Amino acid sequence: MTVAPIRPVALGRVMTLRLAPLRGNGGGTPHPRRGGERAADLLTNATQSTMIGRVLSEDLRRRLAAIGAFADELESPDFDPGQWHDSERRQTADDEVWTMPWFELSDRAEAFLAAIRANGWIEPFDWMDWAQTDEATALRDDRAALGRATLDQLQRLLTAVVRAERFSDGTLEWAFDSGLMAAIARRAQVLAAEPDPAG
């Protein structure tokens, strides 16, 4: 019997971002960021979250708005992130193949992920180590902290969540069901609309 090559199965909603250390950055080939810039590179000082309106370019506002546009939909109690498929065995001409359970995102969940990737919110960095920090834990678990997140923190959190799915199926299901993705989208929407104090 042959076991089909698949990713590890997640522990459903118990899944967190505190992953065990693994070799390498775990991210494979990073998705190219539009313009080749990190959100943090567009900011000028450590207090970026309080003065962000002074430095937001139109392109960055557009990128924030692209994911912020999903906030209402993700917050709706009717939002469906997807469904699990049971394990199955099937006979091929040469052998029996066994596929483990896997999670299939809904079309709208896929659309949100596509907006994240297309607008350059996945960055190459050591997200596994960062995911074990107090900063990452606070952003993941404390909605008030996430409501104050900077651009750099949003980008790191999105990167960690999306990359973690490669190692544990169900990470994205948890991120949608827990309201984390909705909170990220809402924070992006707020930042995109923040007025320029120098106006």
C-alpha atoms as a PDB file:
ATOM      1  CA  MET A   1       0.000   0.000   0.000  1.00  0.00           C
ATOM      2  CA  THR A   2       1.251   3.480  -0.869  1.00  0.00           C
ATOM      3  CA  VAL A   3       0.555   6.518   1.269  1.00  0.00           C
ATOM      4  CA  ALA A   4      -0.022   9.604  -0.875  1.00  0.00           C
ATOM      5  CA  PRO A   5       2.384  12.476  -0.155  1.00  0.00           C
ATOM      6  CA  ILE A   6       0.477  14.946   1.973  1.00  0.00           C
ATOM      7  CA  ARG A   7       1.012  17.475   4.707  1.00  0.00           C
ATOM      8  CA  PRO A   8       0.604  16.594   8.399  1.00  0.00           C
ATOM      9  CA  VAL A   9      -2.918  16.696   9.756  1.00  0.00           C
ATOM     10  CA  ALA A  10      -3.690  19.607  12.055  1.00  0.00           C
ATOM     11  CA  LEU A  11      -5.195  19.296  15.495  1.00  0.00           C
ATOM     12  CA  GLY A  12      -8.262  21.192  14.309  1.00  0.00           C
ATOM     13  CA  ARG A  13      -9.009  24.285  16.341  1.00  0.00           C
ATOM     14  CA  VAL A  14      -6.352  23.414  18.910  1.00  0.00           C
ATOM     15  CA  MET A  15      -3.764  24.473  16.336  1.00  0.00           C
ATOM     16  CA  THR A  16      -1.735  27.530  17.362  1.00  0.00           C
ATOM     17  CA  LEU A  17       1.177  29.430  15.899  1.00  0.00           C
ATOM     18  CA  ARG A  18       3.563  28.116  18.546  1.00  0.00           C
ATOM     19  CA  LEU A  19       5.126  25.585  16.229  1.00  0.00           C
ATOM     20  CA  ALA A  20       8.037  23.385  17.147  1.00  0.00           C
ATOM     21  CA  PRO A  21      11.311  24.691  15.693  1.00  0.00           C
ATOM     22  CA  LEU A  22      12.063  23.249  12.273  1.00  0.00           C
ATOM     23  CA  ARG A  23      15.088  23.576  10.047  1.00  0.00           C
ATOM     24  CA  GLY A  24      15.139  26.351   7.491  1.00  0.00           C
ATOM     25  CA  ASN A  25      12.634  29.160   7.229  1.00  0.00           C
ATOM     26  CA  GLY A  26       9.802  26.773   6.382  1.00  0.00           C
ATOM     27  CA  GLY A  27       8.486  29.093   3.757  1.00  0.00           C
ATOM     28  CA  GLY A  28       9.858  27.651   0.551  1.00  0.00           C
ATOM     29  CA  THR A  29      10.143  30.181  -2.234  1.00  0.00           C
ATOM     30  CA  PRO A  30       8.552  33.406  -1.011  1.00  0.00           C
ATOM     31  CA  HIS A  31       5.821  34.988  -3.054  1.00  0.00           C
ATOM     32  CA  PRO A  32       7.286  38.135  -4.641  1.00  0.00           C
ATOM     33  CA  ARG A  33       6.038  41.293  -2.947  1.00  0.00           C
ATOM     34  CA  ARG A  34       4.628  43.904  -5.264  1.00  0.00           C
ATOM     35  CA  GLY A  35       7.246  46.602  -5.641  1.00  0.00           C
ATOM     36  CA  GLY A  36       9.742  44.521  -3.654  1.00  0.00           C
ATOM     37  CA  GLU A  37       9.028  46.445  -0.452  1.00  0.00           C
ATOM     38  CA  ARG A  38       8.141  45.366   3.057  1.00  0.00           C
ATOM     39  CA  ALA A  39       5.420  47.360   4.741  1.00  0.00           C
ATOM     40  CA  ALA A  40       7.852  48.216   7.532  1.00  0.00           C
ATOM     41  CA  ASP A  41      10.325  49.697   5.040  1.00  0.00           C
ATOM     42  CA  LEU A  42       7.770  52.360   4.151  1.00  0.00           C
ATOM     43  CA  LEU A  43       7.631  53.626   7.710  1.00  0.00           C
ATOM     44  CA  THR A  44      10.132  55.964   9.250  1.00  0.00           C
ATOM     45  CA  ASN A  45      10.282  55.409  12.995  1.00  0.00           C
ATOM     46  CA  ALA A  46       9.509  53.054  15.867  1.00  0.00           C
ATOM     47  CA  THR A  47       6.268  54.862  16.662  1.00  0.00           C
ATOM     48  CA  GLN A  48       4.902  54.151  13.218  1.00  0.00           C
ATOM     49  CA  SER A  49       1.450  53.118  14.482  1.00  0.00           C
ATOM     50  CA  THR A  50       0.720  56.554  15.944  1.00  0.00           C
ATOM     51  CA  MET A  51       1.984  58.575  12.973  1.00  0.00           C
ATOM     52  CA  ILE A  52       1.139  56.199  10.183  1.00  0.00           C
ATOM     53  CA  GLY A  53      -1.008  58.705   8.297  1.00  0.00           C
ATOM     54  CA  ARG A  54       2.055  60.809   7.495  1.00  0.00           C
ATOM     55  CA  VAL A  55       3.809  58.094   5.548  1.00  0.00           C
ATOM     56  CA  LEU A  56       1.143  55.936   3.917  1.00  0.00           C
ATOM     57  CA  SER A  57       1.633  55.943   0.162  1.00  0.00           C
ATOM     58  CA  GLU A  58      -1.318  55.487  -2.159  1.00  0.00           C
ATOM     59  CA  ASP A  59       0.020  52.075  -3.150  1.00  0.00           C
ATOM     60  CA  LEU A  60       0.218  50.935   0.451  1.00  0.00           C
ATOM     61  CA  ARG A  61      -3.294  52.221   1.145  1.00  0.00           C
ATOM     62  CA  ARG A  62      -4.470  50.218  -1.859  1.00  0.00           C
ATOM     63  CA  ARG A  63      -2.776  47.068  -0.565  1.00  0.00           C
ATOM     64  CA  LEU A  64      -4.329  47.525   2.870  1.00  0.00           C
ATOM     65  CA  ALA A  65      -7.743  48.214   1.354  1.00  0.00           C
ATOM     66  CA  ALA A  66      -7.523  45.059  -0.754  1.00  0.00           C
ATOM     67  CA  ILE A  67      -7.551  42.845   2.340  1.00  0.00           C
ATOM     68  CA  GLY A  68      -9.609  45.242   4.439  1.00  0.00           C
ATOM     69  CA  ALA A  69     -12.430  44.896   1.920  1.00  0.00           C
ATOM     70  CA  PHE A  70     -13.073  41.398   3.296  1.00  0.00           C
ATOM     71  CA  ALA A  71     -13.635  42.543   6.907  1.00  0.00           C
ATOM     72  CA  ASP A  72     -17.448  42.583   6.903  1.00  0.00           C
ATOM     73  CA  GLU A  73     -17.672  39.281   5.078  1.00  0.00           C
ATOM     74  CA  LEU A  74     -15.201  37.522   7.373  1.00  0.00           C
ATOM     75  CA  GLU A  75     -16.970  38.850  10.466  1.00  0.00           C
ATOM     76  CA  SER A  76     -20.345  37.535   9.308  1.00  0.00           C
ATOM     77  CA  PRO A  77     -21.599  34.517  11.279  1.00  0.00           C
ATOM     78  CA  ASP A  78     -22.572  33.014   7.942  1.00  0.00           C
ATOM     79  CA  PHE A  79     -19.030  33.038   6.585  1.00  0.00           C
ATOM     80  CA  ASP A  80     -17.924  29.536   5.611  1.00  0.00           C
ATOM     81  CA  PRO A  81     -14.151  28.948   5.597  1.00  0.00           C
ATOM     82  CA  GLY A  82     -14.398  25.532   3.946  1.00  0.00           C
ATOM     83  CA  GLN A  83     -14.781  21.867   4.766  1.00  0.00           C
ATOM     84  CA  TRP A  84     -12.807  18.810   5.803  1.00  0.00           C
ATOM     85  CA  HIS A  85     -12.532  15.786   3.541  1.00  0.00           C
ATOM     86  CA  ASP A  86     -12.259  12.375   5.161  1.00  0.00           C
ATOM     87  CA  SER A  87      -9.381  10.027   4.583  1.00  0.00           C
ATOM     88  CA  GLU A  88      -9.919   7.628   1.753  1.00  0.00           C
ATOM     89  CA  ARG A  89      -8.350   4.609   0.182  1.00  0.00           C
ATOM     90  CA  ARG A  90      -8.427   3.964  -3.517  1.00  0.00           C
ATOM     91  CA  GLN A  91      -7.054   1.240  -5.649  1.00  0.00           C
ATOM     92  CA  THR A  92      -4.794   2.111  -8.553  1.00  0.00           C
ATOM     93  CA  ALA A  93      -3.491  -0.184 -11.256  1.00  0.00           C
ATOM     94  CA  ASP A  94      -0.301  -0.726  -9.259  1.00  0.00           C
ATOM     95  CA  ASP A  95      -1.188  -0.301  -5.606  1.00  0.00           C
ATOM     96  CA  GLU A  96      -3.588   0.943  -2.971  1.00  0.00           C
ATOM     97  CA  VAL A  97      -3.301   4.646  -2.184  1.00  0.00           C
ATOM     98  CA  TRP A  98      -4.354   6.115   1.152  1.00  0.00           C
ATOM     99  CA  THR A  99      -5.064   9.837   1.450  1.00  0.00           C
ATOM    100  CA  MET A 100      -5.212  11.441   4.897  1.00  0.00           C
ATOM    101  CA  PRO A 101      -7.962  13.928   5.901  1.00  0.00           C
ATOM    102  CA  TRP A 102      -7.494  17.389   4.404  1.00  0.00           C
ATOM    103  CA  PHE A 103      -9.158  20.786   4.585  1.00  0.00           C
ATOM    104  CA  GLU A 104     -10.525  22.484   1.471  1.00  0.00           C
ATOM    105  CA  LEU A 105     -10.986  26.241   1.683  1.00  0.00           C
ATOM    106  CA  SER A 106     -14.213  27.780   0.406  1.00  0.00           C
ATOM    107  CA  ASP A 107     -14.123  30.018  -2.654  1.00  0.00           C
ATOM    108  CA  ARG A 108     -14.359  33.165  -0.519  1.00  0.00           C
ATOM    109  CA  ALA A 109     -11.631  32.037   1.854  1.00  0.00           C
ATOM    110  CA  GLU A 110      -9.470  31.328  -1.191  1.00  0.00           C
ATOM    111  CA  ALA A 111     -10.296  34.797  -2.517  1.00  0.00           C
ATOM    112  CA  PHE A 112      -9.034  36.370   0.717  1.00  0.00           C
ATOM    113  CA  LEU A 113      -5.805  34.393   0.533  1.00  0.00           C
ATOM    114  CA  ALA A 114      -5.411  35.400  -3.101  1.00  0.00           C
ATOM    115  CA  ALA A 115      -5.754  39.058  -2.094  1.00  0.00           C
ATOM    116  CA  ILE A 116      -3.121  38.576   0.612  1.00  0.00           C
ATOM    117  CA  ARG A 117      -0.652  37.077  -1.840  1.00  0.00           C
ATOM    118  CA  ALA A 118      -1.407  39.362  -4.786  1.00  0.00           C
ATOM    119  CA  ASN A 119      -0.889  42.448  -2.643  1.00  0.00           C
ATOM    120  CA  GLY A 120       2.442  41.397  -1.211  1.00  0.00           C
ATOM    121  CA  TRP A 121       1.574  40.587   2.390  1.00  0.00           C
ATOM    122  CA  ILE A 122       3.689  37.418   2.579  1.00  0.00           C
ATOM    123  CA  GLU A 123       7.311  38.200   3.408  1.00  0.00           C
ATOM    124  CA  PRO A 124      10.410  36.006   3.753  1.00  0.00           C
ATOM    125  CA  PHE A 125      11.594  36.025   7.371  1.00  0.00           C
ATOM    126  CA  ASP A 126      12.102  33.532  10.202  1.00  0.00           C
ATOM    127  CA  TRP A 127       8.416  33.264  10.958  1.00  0.00           C
ATOM    128  CA  MET A 128       8.757  30.066  13.004  1.00  0.00           C
ATOM    129  CA  ASP A 129      10.921  31.739  15.614  1.00  0.00           C
ATOM    130  CA  TRP A 130       8.788  34.875  15.545  1.00  0.00           C
ATOM    131  CA  ALA A 131       5.593  32.822  16.017  1.00  0.00           C
ATOM    132  CA  GLN A 132       6.908  31.728  19.434  1.00  0.00           C
ATOM    133  CA  THR A 133       7.479  35.258  20.710  1.00  0.00           C
ATOM    134  CA  ASP A 134       5.288  37.152  23.162  1.00  0.00           C
ATOM    135  CA  GLU A 135       4.550  39.648  20.399  1.00  0.00           C
ATOM    136  CA  ALA A 136       3.121  36.971  18.118  1.00  0.00           C
ATOM    137  CA  THR A 137       1.107  35.424  20.944  1.00  0.00           C
ATOM    138  CA  ALA A 138      -0.425  38.775  21.851  1.00  0.00           C
ATOM    139  CA  LEU A 139      -1.360  39.542  18.251  1.00  0.00           C
ATOM    140  CA  ARG A 140      -2.870  36.086  17.845  1.00  0.00           C
ATOM    141  CA  ASP A 141      -4.838  35.934  21.101  1.00  0.00           C
ATOM    142  CA  ASP A 142      -5.532  39.534  22.131  1.00  0.00           C
ATOM    143  CA  ARG A 143      -7.914  41.395  19.826  1.00  0.00           C
ATOM    144  CA  ALA A 144      -7.099  44.699  21.509  1.00  0.00           C
ATOM    145  CA  ALA A 145      -3.411  44.189  20.711  1.00  0.00           C
ATOM    146  CA  LEU A 146      -4.253  43.255  17.136  1.00  0.00           C
ATOM    147  CA  GLY A 147      -6.396  46.368  16.926  1.00  0.00           C
ATOM    148  CA  ARG A 148      -3.232  48.408  17.511  1.00  0.00           C
ATOM    149  CA  ALA A 149      -1.022  46.361  15.178  1.00  0.00           C
ATOM    150  CA  THR A 150       1.446  48.113  12.926  1.00  0.00           C
ATOM    151  CA  LEU A 151       1.895  47.348   9.259  1.00  0.00           C
ATOM    152  CA  ASP A 152       4.975  45.263   9.990  1.00  0.00           C
ATOM    153  CA  GLN A 153       3.115  43.250  12.621  1.00  0.00           C
ATOM    154  CA  LEU A 154       0.177  42.598  10.292  1.00  0.00           C
ATOM    155  CA  GLN A 155       2.529  41.377   7.599  1.00  0.00           C
ATOM    156  CA  ARG A 156       4.413  39.091   9.959  1.00  0.00           C
ATOM    157  CA  LEU A 157       1.218  37.644  11.394  1.00  0.00           C
ATOM    158  CA  LEU A 158      -0.253  36.973   7.958  1.00  0.00           C
ATOM    159  CA  THR A 159       2.997  35.361   6.843  1.00  0.00           C
ATOM    160  CA  ALA A 160       3.110  33.092   9.896  1.00  0.00           C
ATOM    161  CA  VAL A 161      -0.506  31.957   9.524  1.00  0.00           C
ATOM    162  CA  VAL A 162      -0.305  31.269   5.792  1.00  0.00           C
ATOM    163  CA  ARG A 163       3.089  29.533   5.988  1.00  0.00           C
ATOM    164  CA  ALA A 164       2.000  27.385   8.956  1.00  0.00           C
ATOM    165  CA  GLU A 165      -0.663  25.739   6.794  1.00  0.00           C
ATOM    166  CA  ARG A 166       2.139  24.049   4.869  1.00  0.00           C
ATOM    167  CA  PHE A 167       3.011  22.053   7.967  1.00  0.00           C
ATOM    168  CA  SER A 168      -0.386  21.539   9.576  1.00  0.00           C
ATOM    169  CA  ASP A 169      -3.595  21.255   7.587  1.00  0.00           C
ATOM    170  CA  GLY A 170      -6.311  23.135   9.423  1.00  0.00           C
ATOM    171  CA  THR A 171      -4.248  26.149  10.497  1.00  0.00           C
ATOM    172  CA  LEU A 172      -6.187  28.363   8.103  1.00  0.00           C
ATOM    173  CA  GLU A 173      -9.492  26.843   9.214  1.00  0.00           C
ATOM    174  CA  TRP A 174      -8.618  27.791  12.776  1.00  0.00           C
ATOM    175  CA  ALA A 175      -7.532  31.291  11.716  1.00  0.00           C
ATOM    176  CA  PHE A 176     -10.884  31.911  10.016  1.00  0.00           C
ATOM    177  CA  ASP A 177     -13.072  30.214  12.642  1.00  0.00           C
ATOM    178  CA  SER A 178     -11.362  31.954  15.563  1.00  0.00           C
ATOM    179  CA  GLY A 179     -11.947  35.371  14.020  1.00  0.00           C
ATOM    180  CA  LEU A 180      -8.239  36.053  13.584  1.00  0.00           C
ATOM    181  CA  MET A 181      -8.459  36.610   9.826  1.00  0.00           C
ATOM    182  CA  ALA A 182     -11.478  38.873  10.290  1.00  0.00           C
ATOM    183  CA  ALA A 183      -9.617  40.938  12.884  1.00  0.00           C
ATOM    184  CA  ILE A 184      -6.599  41.254  10.580  1.00  0.00           C
ATOM    185  CA  ALA A 185      -8.833  42.408   7.736  1.00  0.00           C
ATOM    186  CA  ARG A 186     -10.554  44.935  10.005  1.00  0.00           C
ATOM    187  CA  ARG A 187      -7.246  46.367  11.195  1.00  0.00           C
ATOM    188  CA  ALA A 188      -6.074  46.675   7.588  1.00  0.00           C
ATOM    189  CA  GLN A 189      -9.285  48.490   6.715  1.00  0.00           C
ATOM    190  CA  VAL A 190      -8.786  50.953   9.574  1.00  0.00           C
ATOM    191  CA  LEU A 191      -5.191  51.633   8.601  1.00  0.00           C
ATOM    192  CA  ALA A 192      -6.125  52.137   4.948  1.00  0.00           C
ATOM    193  CA  ALA A 193      -8.679  54.764   5.906  1.00  0.00           C
ATOM    194  CA  GLU A 194      -6.570  56.562   8.516  1.00  0.00           C
ATOM    195  CA  PRO A 195      -6.289  60.233   7.548  1.00  0.00           C
ATOM    196  CA  ASP A 196      -3.030  62.007   6.981  1.00  0.00           C
ATOM    197  CA  PRO A 197      -2.463  64.127  10.112  1.00  0.00           C
ATOM    198  CA  ALA A 198      -0.327  66.470   8.049  1.00  0.00           C
ATOM    199  CA  GLY A 199      -3.331  66.905   5.728  1.00  0.00           C
END
